C-alpha atoms as a PDB file:
ATOM      1  CA  MET A   1     -20.716 -35.933  -4.187  1.00  0.00           C
ATOM      2  CA  SER A   2     -17.385 -37.452  -5.152  1.00  0.00           C
ATOM      3  CA  SER A   3     -15.465 -34.416  -3.865  1.00  0.00           C
ATOM      4  CA  ALA A   4     -17.294 -34.331  -0.520  1.00  0.00           C
ATOM      5  CA  VAL A   5     -16.075 -36.021   2.638  1.00  0.00           C
ATOM      6  CA  LEU A   6     -18.402 -38.919   3.445  1.00  0.00           C
ATOM      7  CA  PRO A   7     -18.982 -40.164   6.998  1.00  0.00           C
ATOM      8  CA  PHE A   8     -17.954 -43.725   6.114  1.00  0.00           C
ATOM      9  CA  ASP A   9     -15.158 -45.423   4.211  1.00  0.00           C
ATOM     10  CA  PRO A  10     -15.560 -48.893   2.704  1.00  0.00           C
ATOM     11  CA  ARG A  11     -13.820 -51.632   4.625  1.00  0.00           C
ATOM     12  CA  ALA A  12     -11.028 -52.997   2.457  1.00  0.00           C
ATOM     13  CA  LEU A  13     -11.465 -56.623   1.458  1.00  0.00           C
ATOM     14  CA  THR A  14      -8.952 -59.034   2.921  1.00  0.00           C
ATOM     15  CA  ALA A  15      -6.570 -61.091   0.804  1.00  0.00           C
ATOM     16  CA  SER A  16      -8.638 -64.153   1.694  1.00  0.00           C
ATOM     17  CA  GLU A  17     -11.861 -62.507   0.513  1.00  0.00           C
ATOM     18  CA  LEU A  18     -10.245 -61.388  -2.729  1.00  0.00           C
ATOM     19  CA  SER A  19      -9.005 -64.927  -3.354  1.00  0.00           C
ATOM     20  CA  ASN A  20     -12.037 -66.931  -2.275  1.00  0.00           C
ATOM     21  CA  GLU A  21     -15.121 -64.762  -2.803  1.00  0.00           C
ATOM     22  CA  ASP A  22     -16.968 -63.784  -5.978  1.00  0.00           C
ATOM     23  CA  VAL A  23     -15.572 -60.220  -6.100  1.00  0.00           C
ATOM     24  CA  TYR A  24     -16.436 -57.563  -8.682  1.00  0.00           C
ATOM     25  CA  ILE A  25     -14.188 -54.502  -8.898  1.00  0.00           C
ATOM     26  CA  THR A  26     -15.248 -51.610 -11.103  1.00  0.00           C
ATOM     27  CA  TYR A  27     -14.976 -47.844 -11.311  1.00  0.00           C
ATOM     28  CA  SER A  28     -17.940 -45.838 -10.032  1.00  0.00           C
ATOM     29  CA  PRO A  29     -18.351 -42.520 -11.898  1.00  0.00           C
ATOM     30  CA  LYS A  30     -20.714 -41.318  -9.165  1.00  0.00           C
ATOM     31  CA  ALA A  31     -18.249 -42.048  -6.354  1.00  0.00           C
ATOM     32  CA  ALA A  32     -15.183 -41.221  -8.493  1.00  0.00           C
ATOM     33  CA  ARG A  33     -13.370 -44.289  -7.160  1.00  0.00           C
ATOM     34  CA  ALA A  34     -13.087 -48.022  -7.641  1.00  0.00           C
ATOM     35  CA  VAL A  35     -15.646 -50.086  -5.740  1.00  0.00           C
ATOM     36  CA  SER A  36     -15.263 -53.726  -4.716  1.00  0.00           C
ATOM     37  CA  LEU A  37     -18.420 -55.783  -4.368  1.00  0.00           C
ATOM     38  CA  VAL A  38     -18.833 -59.335  -3.121  1.00  0.00           C
ATOM     39  CA  GLY A  39     -21.429 -61.322  -5.031  1.00  0.00           C
ATOM     40  CA  ILE A  40     -23.803 -60.589  -7.876  1.00  0.00           C
ATOM     41  CA  THR A  41     -26.550 -59.274  -5.568  1.00  0.00           C
ATOM     42  CA  ARG A  42     -24.302 -56.511  -4.230  1.00  0.00           C
ATOM     43  CA  LEU A  43     -23.148 -55.677  -7.759  1.00  0.00           C
ATOM     44  CA  ALA A  44     -26.793 -55.359  -8.818  1.00  0.00           C
ATOM     45  CA  PHE A  45     -27.595 -53.065  -5.887  1.00  0.00           C
ATOM     46  CA  PHE A  46     -24.570 -50.906  -6.681  1.00  0.00           C
ATOM     47  CA  LEU A  47     -25.680 -50.552 -10.319  1.00  0.00           C
ATOM     48  CA  LYS A  48     -29.187 -49.609  -9.214  1.00  0.00           C
ATOM     49  CA  ASN A  49     -27.789 -46.768  -7.101  1.00  0.00           C
ATOM     50  CA  GLU A  50     -25.184 -45.735  -9.667  1.00  0.00           C
ATOM     51  CA  PHE A  51     -27.987 -44.980 -12.134  1.00  0.00           C
ATOM     52  CA  ASP A  52     -30.511 -43.577  -9.668  1.00  0.00           C
ATOM     53  CA  PRO A  53     -30.475 -39.736  -9.750  1.00  0.00           C
ATOM     54  CA  ALA A  54     -32.057 -39.745  -6.280  1.00  0.00           C
ATOM     55  CA  ALA A  55     -28.974 -41.524  -4.867  1.00  0.00           C
ATOM     56  CA  GLU A  56     -26.348 -38.931  -4.008  1.00  0.00           C
ATOM     57  CA  ALA A  57     -23.732 -41.357  -2.655  1.00  0.00           C
ATOM     58  CA  VAL A  58     -23.246 -45.023  -1.811  1.00  0.00           C
ATOM     59  CA  VAL A  59     -20.541 -46.732   0.274  1.00  0.00           C
ATOM     60  CA  GLU A  60     -20.057 -50.487   0.448  1.00  0.00           C
ATOM     61  CA  ARG A  61     -19.286 -52.223   3.772  1.00  0.00           C
ATOM     62  CA  PRO A  62     -19.656 -49.007   5.838  1.00  0.00           C
ATOM     63  CA  ARG A  63     -19.856 -50.411   9.388  1.00  0.00           C
ATOM     64  CA  SER A  64     -20.869 -53.315  11.610  1.00  0.00           C
ATOM     65  CA  LEU A  65     -24.012 -53.786  13.674  1.00  0.00           C
ATOM     66  CA  GLU A  66     -24.323 -55.831  16.854  1.00  0.00           C
ATOM     67  CA  LEU A  67     -27.497 -57.887  16.493  1.00  0.00           C
ATOM     68  CA  TYR A  68     -27.186 -59.251  20.014  1.00  0.00           C
ATOM     69  CA  SER A  69     -24.461 -60.197  22.459  1.00  0.00           C
ATOM     70  CA  GLY A  70     -22.038 -62.455  20.657  1.00  0.00           C
ATOM     71  CA  ARG A  71     -23.253 -61.761  17.119  1.00  0.00           C
ATOM     72  CA  THR A  72     -22.101 -58.815  15.044  1.00  0.00           C
ATOM     73  CA  VAL A  73     -22.778 -58.472  11.316  1.00  0.00           C
ATOM     74  CA  GLU A  74     -21.349 -56.199   8.664  1.00  0.00           C
ATOM     75  CA  LEU A  75     -23.851 -53.920   6.956  1.00  0.00           C
ATOM     76  CA  ASP A  76     -23.549 -54.038   3.181  1.00  0.00           C
ATOM     77  CA  PHE A  77     -24.206 -50.442   2.112  1.00  0.00           C
ATOM     78  CA  TRP A  78     -24.794 -46.901   3.268  1.00  0.00           C
ATOM     79  CA  THR A  79     -26.651 -44.566   0.922  1.00  0.00           C
ATOM     80  CA  LEU A  80     -27.287 -40.842   0.949  1.00  0.00           C
ATOM     81  CA  GLY A  81     -30.275 -39.548  -0.989  1.00  0.00           C
ATOM     82  CA  THR A  82     -30.499 -36.165  -2.661  1.00  0.00           C
ATOM     83  CA  ASP A  83     -33.118 -35.388  -0.001  1.00  0.00           C
ATOM     84  CA  GLY A  84     -30.448 -35.843   2.688  1.00  0.00           C
ATOM     85  CA  ARG A  85     -31.790 -39.172   3.944  1.00  0.00           C
ATOM     86  CA  GLU A  86     -29.145 -41.638   5.141  1.00  0.00           C
ATOM     87  CA  THR A  87     -29.935 -45.361   5.018  1.00  0.00           C
ATOM     88  CA  PHE A  88     -28.022 -48.524   5.830  1.00  0.00           C
ATOM     89  CA  TRP A  89     -28.734 -51.685   3.840  1.00  0.00           C
ATOM     90  CA  ALA A  90     -28.299 -55.381   4.616  1.00  0.00           C
ATOM     91  CA  VAL A  91     -28.372 -57.978   1.841  1.00  0.00           C
ATOM     92  CA  GLN A  92     -30.688 -60.910   2.504  1.00  0.00           C
ATOM     93  CA  GLY A  93     -30.397 -64.125   0.507  1.00  0.00           C
ATOM     94  CA  ILE A  94     -33.445 -66.118  -0.528  1.00  0.00           C
ATOM     95  CA  GLU A  95     -32.937 -68.624   2.295  1.00  0.00           C
ATOM     96  CA  GLU A  96     -32.789 -65.811   4.880  1.00  0.00           C
ATOM     97  CA  CYS A  97     -36.233 -64.382   4.045  1.00  0.00           C
ATOM     98  CA  GLU A  98     -39.865 -65.186   4.549  1.00  0.00           C
ATOM     99  CA  ARG A  99     -42.898 -63.899   2.701  1.00  0.00           C
ATOM    100  CA  VAL A 100     -45.345 -61.691   4.576  1.00  0.00           C
ATOM    101  CA  GLN A 101     -48.523 -59.946   3.499  1.00  0.00           C
ATOM    102  CA  ASP A 102     -46.796 -56.924   1.952  1.00  0.00           C
ATOM    103  CA  GLY A 103     -43.691 -58.619   0.554  1.00  0.00           C
ATOM    104  CA  LEU A 104     -40.534 -60.102   2.064  1.00  0.00           C
ATOM    105  CA  GLN A 105     -38.799 -59.714   5.389  1.00  0.00           C
ATOM    106  CA  PRO A 106     -35.821 -61.352   7.119  1.00  0.00           C
ATOM    107  CA  LYS A 107     -36.741 -64.409   9.153  1.00  0.00           C
ATOM    108  CA  ASP A 108     -35.228 -62.660  12.174  1.00  0.00           C
ATOM    109  CA  ALA A 109     -36.715 -59.246  11.327  1.00  0.00           C
ATOM    110  CA  THR A 110     -37.445 -58.386  14.966  1.00  0.00           C
ATOM    111  CA  VAL A 111     -33.803 -58.941  15.929  1.00  0.00           C
ATOM    112  CA  TRP A 112     -32.646 -56.665  13.096  1.00  0.00           C
ATOM    113  CA  ASP A 113     -35.189 -53.968  13.957  1.00  0.00           C
ATOM    114  CA  GLN A 114     -34.230 -53.940  17.625  1.00  0.00           C
ATOM    115  CA  ALA A 115     -30.512 -53.798  16.821  1.00  0.00           C
ATOM    116  CA  ALA A 116     -30.992 -50.904  14.396  1.00  0.00           C
ATOM    117  CA  HIS A 117     -33.069 -49.048  16.988  1.00  0.00           C
ATOM    118  CA  ARG A 118     -30.377 -49.476  19.639  1.00  0.00           C
ATOM    119  CA  ALA A 119     -27.739 -48.176  17.234  1.00  0.00           C
ATOM    120  CA  GLY A 120     -29.917 -45.291  16.041  1.00  0.00           C
ATOM    121  CA  LEU A 121     -29.770 -46.423  12.414  1.00  0.00           C
ATOM    122  CA  SER A 122     -32.235 -46.273   9.552  1.00  0.00           C
ATOM    123  CA  LEU A 123     -31.972 -49.816   8.197  1.00  0.00           C
ATOM    124  CA  ARG A 124     -33.500 -51.387   5.095  1.00  0.00           C
ATOM    125  CA  PHE A 125     -32.956 -54.675   3.315  1.00  0.00           C
ATOM    126  CA  VAL A 126     -31.760 -55.721  -0.129  1.00  0.00           C
ATOM    127  CA  PHE A 127     -33.611 -58.897  -1.079  1.00  0.00           C
ATOM    128  CA  GLU A 128     -31.870 -61.159  -3.557  1.00  0.00           C
ATOM    129  CA  HIS A 129     -35.297 -62.350  -4.711  1.00  0.00           C
ATOM    130  CA  ASP A 130     -36.359 -58.814  -5.704  1.00  0.00           C
ATOM    131  CA  LEU A 131     -33.160 -58.127  -7.630  1.00  0.00           C
ATOM    132  CA  GLN A 132     -33.567 -61.348  -9.607  1.00  0.00           C
ATOM    133  CA  HIS A 133     -36.894 -60.018 -10.878  1.00  0.00           C
ATOM    134  CA  ARG A 134     -35.139 -56.858 -12.091  1.00  0.00           C
ATOM    135  CA  ALA A 135     -32.461 -58.691 -14.038  1.00  0.00           C
ATOM    136  CA  GLN A 136     -33.147 -56.848 -17.299  1.00  0.00           C
ATOM    137  CA  SER A 137     -32.782 -53.364 -15.834  1.00  0.00           C
ATOM    138  CA  ILE A 138     -29.570 -54.428 -14.086  1.00  0.00           C
ATOM    139  CA  ALA A 139     -28.247 -55.871 -17.363  1.00  0.00           C
ATOM    140  CA  ASN A 140     -29.031 -52.553 -19.073  1.00  0.00           C
ATOM    141  CA  TYR A 141     -27.081 -50.605 -16.459  1.00  0.00           C
ATOM    142  CA  LEU A 142     -24.165 -52.991 -16.893  1.00  0.00           C
ATOM    143  CA  ARG A 143     -24.154 -52.211 -20.629  1.00  0.00           C
ATOM    144  CA  LEU A 144     -24.240 -48.455 -20.018  1.00  0.00           C
ATOM    145  CA  LEU A 145     -21.502 -48.369 -17.382  1.00  0.00           C
ATOM    146  CA  PRO A 146     -18.428 -48.786 -19.673  1.00  0.00           C
ATOM    147  CA  HIS A 147     -19.520 -45.815 -21.807  1.00  0.00           C
ATOM    148  CA  ILE A 148     -19.774 -43.593 -18.730  1.00  0.00           C
ATOM    149  CA  GLN A 149     -16.454 -44.824 -17.397  1.00  0.00           C
ATOM    150  CA  ALA A 150     -14.823 -44.033 -20.751  1.00  0.00           C
ATOM    151  CA  ALA A 151     -16.421 -40.572 -20.831  1.00  0.00           C
ATOM    152  CA  ARG A 152     -14.291 -39.328 -17.942  1.00  0.00           C
ATOM    153  CA  ARG A 153     -11.217 -39.658 -20.171  1.00  0.00           C
ATOM    154  CA  ARG A 154     -12.705 -37.488 -22.930  1.00  0.00           C
ATOM    155  CA  ALA A 155     -12.721 -33.771 -22.138  1.00  0.00           C
ATOM    156  CA  GLU A 156     -15.135 -33.001 -24.980  1.00  0.00           C
ATOM    157  CA  VAL A 157     -17.992 -35.148 -23.630  1.00  0.00           C
ATOM    158  CA  PRO A 158     -19.730 -32.382 -21.586  1.00  0.00           C
ATOM    159  CA  SER A 159     -19.956 -30.082 -24.607  1.00  0.00           C
ATOM    160  CA  ILE A 160     -21.219 -32.934 -26.792  1.00  0.00           C
ATOM    161  CA  ALA A 161     -23.809 -33.764 -24.136  1.00  0.00           C
ATOM    162  CA  GLY A 162     -25.007 -30.193 -24.588  1.00  0.00           C
ATOM    163  CA  ARG A 163     -25.372 -30.866 -28.313  1.00  0.00           C
ATOM    164  CA  VAL A 164     -27.411 -33.983 -27.539  1.00  0.00           C
ATOM    165  CA  LYS A 165     -29.708 -31.954 -25.276  1.00  0.00           C
ATOM    166  CA  GLU A 166     -30.329 -29.497 -28.102  1.00  0.00           C
ATOM    167  CA  LEU A 167     -31.836 -32.306 -30.199  1.00  0.00           C
ATOM    168  CA  PHE A 168     -34.727 -32.583 -27.745  1.00  0.00           C
ATOM    169  CA  SER A 169     -37.541 -30.044 -27.614  1.00  0.00           C
ATOM    170  CA  PRO A 170     -41.218 -29.802 -26.616  1.00  0.00           C
ATOM    171  CA  VAL A 171     -41.927 -31.359 -30.018  1.00  0.00           C
ATOM    172  CA  VAL A 172     -39.070 -33.895 -30.149  1.00  0.00           C
ATOM    173  CA  THR A 173     -39.300 -35.733 -26.827  1.00  0.00           C
ATOM    174  CA  SER A 174     -38.044 -39.176 -27.843  1.00  0.00           C
ATOM    175  CA  LEU A 175     -35.016 -40.272 -29.889  1.00  0.00           C
ATOM    176  CA  SER A 176     -33.012 -43.472 -30.229  1.00  0.00           C
ATOM    177  CA  PHE A 177     -29.249 -43.836 -29.861  1.00  0.00           C
ATOM    178  CA  GLN A 178     -29.122 -44.356 -33.613  1.00  0.00           C
ATOM    179  CA  GLN A 179     -31.063 -41.164 -34.355  1.00  0.00           C
ATOM    180  CA  ILE A 180     -28.924 -39.103 -31.976  1.00  0.00           C
ATOM    181  CA  GLU A 181     -25.698 -40.404 -33.487  1.00  0.00           C
ATOM    182  CA  GLY A 182     -27.047 -39.833 -37.004  1.00  0.00           C
ATOM    183  CA  SER A 183     -27.958 -36.240 -36.159  1.00  0.00           C
ATOM    184  CA  LEU A 184     -24.418 -35.610 -34.879  1.00  0.00           C
ATOM    185  CA  SER A 185     -22.658 -37.597 -37.596  1.00  0.00           C
ATOM    186  CA  GLN A 186     -19.759 -35.114 -37.741  1.00  0.00           C
ATOM    187  CA  ILE A 187     -18.718 -36.326 -34.268  1.00  0.00           C
ATOM    188  CA  PRO A 188     -17.333 -39.857 -33.720  1.00  0.00           C
ATOM    189  CA  ALA A 189     -20.255 -42.129 -32.855  1.00  0.00           C
ATOM    190  CA  ASP A 190     -18.522 -43.629 -29.824  1.00  0.00           C
ATOM    191  CA  VAL A 191     -18.073 -40.178 -28.274  1.00  0.00           C
ATOM    192  CA  VAL A 192     -21.716 -39.285 -28.941  1.00  0.00           C
ATOM    193  CA  ARG A 193     -22.675 -42.578 -27.282  1.00  0.00           C
ATOM    194  CA  MET A 194     -20.575 -41.642 -24.232  1.00  0.00           C
ATOM    195  CA  ALA A 195     -22.324 -38.270 -24.012  1.00  0.00           C
ATOM    196  CA  THR A 196     -25.779 -39.822 -24.382  1.00  0.00           C
ATOM    197  CA  CYS A 197     -25.051 -42.455 -21.742  1.00  0.00           C
ATOM    198  CA  THR A 198     -23.803 -39.708 -19.423  1.00  0.00           C
ATOM    199  CA  LEU A 199     -27.192 -37.997 -19.736  1.00  0.00           C
ATOM    200  CA  LEU A 200     -28.879 -41.295 -18.866  1.00  0.00           C
ATOM    201  CA  HIS A 201     -26.573 -41.637 -15.866  1.00  0.00           C
ATOM    202  CA  GLU A 202     -27.454 -38.128 -14.689  1.00  0.00           C
ATOM    203  CA  GLY A 203     -31.184 -38.722 -15.162  1.00  0.00           C
ATOM    204  CA  TRP A 204     -31.579 -36.032 -17.827  1.00  0.00           C
ATOM    205  CA  LEU A 205     -32.672 -38.821 -20.173  1.00  0.00           C
ATOM    206  CA  GLY A 206     -34.652 -41.927 -19.316  1.00  0.00           C
ATOM    207  CA  PHE A 207     -35.515 -45.212 -21.021  1.00  0.00           C
ATOM    208  CA  GLN A 208     -37.716 -48.267 -20.564  1.00  0.00           C
ATOM    209  CA  LYS A 209     -35.504 -50.190 -18.189  1.00  0.00           C
ATOM    210  CA  GLU A 210     -37.535 -53.395 -18.359  1.00  0.00           C
ATOM    211  CA  LEU A 211     -36.743 -53.793 -22.086  1.00  0.00           C
ATOM    212  CA  PRO A 212     -33.379 -54.891 -23.550  1.00  0.00           C
ATOM    213  CA  LEU A 213     -31.234 -51.882 -24.422  1.00  0.00           C
ATOM    214  CA  SER A 214     -30.231 -51.488 -28.079  1.00  0.00           C
ATOM    215  CA  SER A 215     -29.304 -48.787 -30.580  1.00  0.00           C
ATOM    216  CA  HIS A 216     -33.029 -48.509 -31.362  1.00  0.00           C
ATOM    217  CA  SER A 217     -34.139 -48.009 -27.736  1.00  0.00           C
ATOM    218  CA  ARG A 218     -36.259 -44.899 -27.261  1.00  0.00           C
ATOM    219  CA  LEU A 219     -34.659 -42.328 -24.974  1.00  0.00           C
ATOM    220  CA  THR A 220     -36.990 -39.765 -23.478  1.00  0.00           C
ATOM    221  CA  ARG A 221     -36.517 -36.506 -21.651  1.00  0.00           C
ATOM    222  CA  GLY A 222     -37.007 -37.282 -17.984  1.00  0.00           C
ATOM    223  CA  ALA A 223     -35.484 -38.866 -14.919  1.00  0.00           C
ATOM    224  CA  ASN A 224     -34.088 -42.363 -14.969  1.00  0.00           C
ATOM    225  CA  ASP A 225     -35.300 -43.207 -11.458  1.00  0.00           C
ATOM    226  CA  GLY A 226     -33.453 -46.318 -10.372  1.00  0.00           C
ATOM    227  CA  TYR A 227     -35.289 -49.516 -11.329  1.00  0.00           C
END
């Protein structure tokens, strides 16, 4: 999707925001550009989408939404799924939410729903509380990201990824990083790690995201579906 023209561009952060806010700037292999994210919750949501094969594209700070006369808010993300579904997302802090029978909702949920309806938007919410409970999977994605970023500078990674794929079969469905790198010992281990992480990023391989990632983690053939 990186080569396609998206309907939204991220609003550039102001000098004041860059100086005073908790800003994370990193390169997104999926978007093929640098992304700037304000706060750990937005960084976590970005990582979730970066490693979700069902997420085709994500744009931070895509547009504003008028909640009511005199109050306009900036929406935090726009996502495009591989099924073509477009969704806008608004981050909600713990103090902005209330618990209902089937989970969490904004305290002013009706106001948000009415505003989204007027604007013709599909709107969902990113709850800080939910992301806190997925801290381990987010930490795993954060560990994988540098390997994928480095892979774009190594032209041989796609062919090595093909070699990694050949190690899996109907009989061999699960291998660790260590086993993969041992099987391809004639290739530098860091490059094999880049190729393996690229397959995780693409969803060709999956892993138990709720467990800490290590060289002994079991990687299985199958989609890495977000959380």
